[in-house]
Amino acid sequence: MFICDAHCDTLYRLLKEPGSNNDVTPERLKCGGVGLQTLAMFVGTSSDKKTIINTIEGMMAISDELRQEGLDIVDDPDLATEGEVKYMLSIEGSEIFEDDLSLLEVYRKKGVRMASLTWNYDNKLASCHMGDTSRGLSNLGKECVREMNRLGIAVDLSHISEKAFKDVLDHALSSPLASHSCAKALCNHSRNLSDEQLVALFNAGGFVGINFCPAFLNEKGEASMLDVLKHIEHMYELGGSGKVGFGSDFDGIDTKPIGLDNPENFPALIRFLADSGSFSDDDIADISGRAFINYYKKL
C-alpha cells in the first residue's frame, strides 16, 4: 500500500534539537511503507525576517543531509513510488513572503510545493484561527495566493481563520488544501474545520490530511485509531471521498493517539481502517496516499 503523509515538523525539530529522538526517520518511514513524506519548514515564532530566512535555510540544509541518508526529494508527488521513500517540502507560516513575494518563486525552485499562510498568529497576509476574527485575507494575501497558484504551490488552509479560509476559496485560481486538520463537529477546537468549511473545500477539489494530535481528535485530549477513523468517516459523509488522507504532525505534537507513535504504525492504522468495514478497497488506497497524489495532479 502506497502511503503519503502531508505534514510533519521533523526539520524544525532537527534544527532546534540536534540529536533528538525524532518520530520521523528514514528508517521508520521505510518500515512504515511511507512513500512520500511532506517535510514542513516551520518559520518559528520570530517576526524578524533575517531570523526567519536563517531558520528556513537551516532546515533546507538539513533536508540536503537527509538526501545523503537515502531520502530523496521530489518536485512532483506523482514521481514517488511504492517501495521507495521520497520527501516533499512545505513552508508552515508565510511570514517570509510578506515583504517580498518574489521569494515564492525562489523557494518553488528549491522544491517547495506547499505553504500555509499563517501559523498561530496573524500576519500581513491573513488572520489565524485564534487571531482577529473580523479580518480575513489581506490584499497582499490575495496577491500571494494568486502567485502561489501560478507557481503550483498548494495553499495550505491549516491554521488560518474562518474568514481567511473563505477568502482563499473565493479568490484562489486552483484548489487549496488543509494539510493537517480535523473535523470541528467531532472536536470543537479552533484548529479544526467546520462542516461548512469541509464541504466548501471538498466542492473546490481540495484535500484534508487528518492530524494525529489528540487535542484535535477528541475533546478529552486522549485519542486512539478509532478517533482517526471517526474523523475520516465524518469527512466522507460530507463529500470527502477521494479527498482525505493523513497529515500526522509527527515531531510537532507532544502526545499521540494510542498506537500511533511514529510512521512505523501506519500499516496498523490502515489495517484498522480496512477492518472497520466503513471503506472499500479503493477508499483505503485513496486515504493511504492516492488522494494526496491525485490532488497534486489537478493543481
Foldseek 3Di string as FASTA:
>chain_A
DEFEALAAAVLLCCLVPPPDDFQDDQVLCLLLFHQEYEHEQEQDDDLDLVSSVVSSVSSLVVVVVSVVVQAAEDLAPVPGDTNGHYYAYEYEAVSNPQVPLVVLVVVNVVGYQEYENHAQQDDQAAGWLPYDQVTGGDPVNLVSLAVSLVSNRAYAHQGGHPRNLVVSLVRHPAAHEHNEEFECVAAVDSRHDYLVSLLSNVVRVYAYAYEFQQNRQHVVRAAALVSVLVRVLVSVVSVCQLRYAHHHHTVNHDDGYVQPRHSSSNVVSLVVNVVVPSDDPVSSVSHRPVSVSVSSVRD
